[in-house]
Amino acid sequence: MCGGDHPLGGQAVLEGVMMRGRRSWGLAVRRPDGQITLCSYPLSSLSERYSVLRVPVVRGVLALGQSLSLGVRALGISADLSLDEVEAGEGDVSAAETEEPSAQGSRGEFGWKELTLTVGVAAVMALVLFVVIPLGVAKYFEDYLQNALLFNLAEGMVRIIIFILYVVGISLLPDLRRVFEYHGAEHKVIHAYEAGEELDPNTVNRFSPLHPRCGTAFLLVVMVLAIVVFSLVGKPSLFLLVVSRVLGIPLIAGLSYEMIRYAGRHKEGLVARVLVWPGLVLQRLTTREPDAEQLEVAAAALVEVLRVEQGGEVRPFR
């Protein structure tokens, strides 16, 4: 998410934060007993082995796929840690400290089978909400939308409205509201790290919970860019329109990645500010002000990744 050609990235998970570096990723989760459990893993990069995967747009598709994969894995681990008491190993510590993951941790009720089912249902819901319904609405008013650009503009506006209503709706759920608070904590910690500040909660809390290269901003760029790209498809049957949207997602994601990447490298430029501003506005829906304990968790995740990036050994949960 932040800084250089290999920026640090992150994601809020259940009662925790995942941070990603160039060669590793780490996770910090606040367990029910108040302790923070840390784990970390190596991160292999196909683009370092195959130069073709470093080509613009292609690298964006690869980065998106890897981010989704890491996100699902981090969610599974955080579910186990946050919903179940994991047996502490040697060196059991207080709630204010962090501990290494125990090799003898017990599996929570929310296992990989449940997570796979949840992801599958979410994918189907996303297809219906953000592809089928917007296309259906645009098709219904097709007679009033004389050209492909107007048709896709209507479809895109419906998609954006559904997305905003969806985010507002889920933000009313207490558990997801806490995820949004951890999302804000993740951003604050990375801002502080970029500024060279200490990662203690009091210092970190001074920074903004909004970040220009957040995934929320990326999604908004994808939805806006889709209006332009899909206008080239025209107005075929509803089935072909759905197929074109599904097949076109990787291309649009790759293009959007390059736009966000450009904005990140030219933060003070007019083009970058125009690209970033709508995403920052939208982030006000997906982030909340975190408390000191949530900032502590986000900072612990970042410190864990930096430790491994500097040559430390990884500490897998299981």
Foldseek 3Di string as FASTA:
>chain_A
DADDPFDKDKAFEQQWIKIDTRFKIKIWHQAPQLAIEIFMDTDDDVCVVPVVCVPFLSVLLVVVVVVVVVVLVRNQVNCQRHVDDFDADPPDDHNLYHDYFDPRTDGDPCHPVNSVVVVVVVVVVCLCLQPQVLLVVLVVCVVVQPALLSSLVSSLVSNVVSVLVVLLVVCVDVSQVVSQALLLLLQLQSVCVVVVHDLALVVSLVDGSFDQLDVLLLVVQLSVVCSVVLSVVIDDDSVVRSVCVVVCSSSSSSVSVVLSVVLNVCVPDPSSCVSRVVSRVSSVSRHDHHDNSSNSRSNVRVVLNVCVVVPDDTRHND
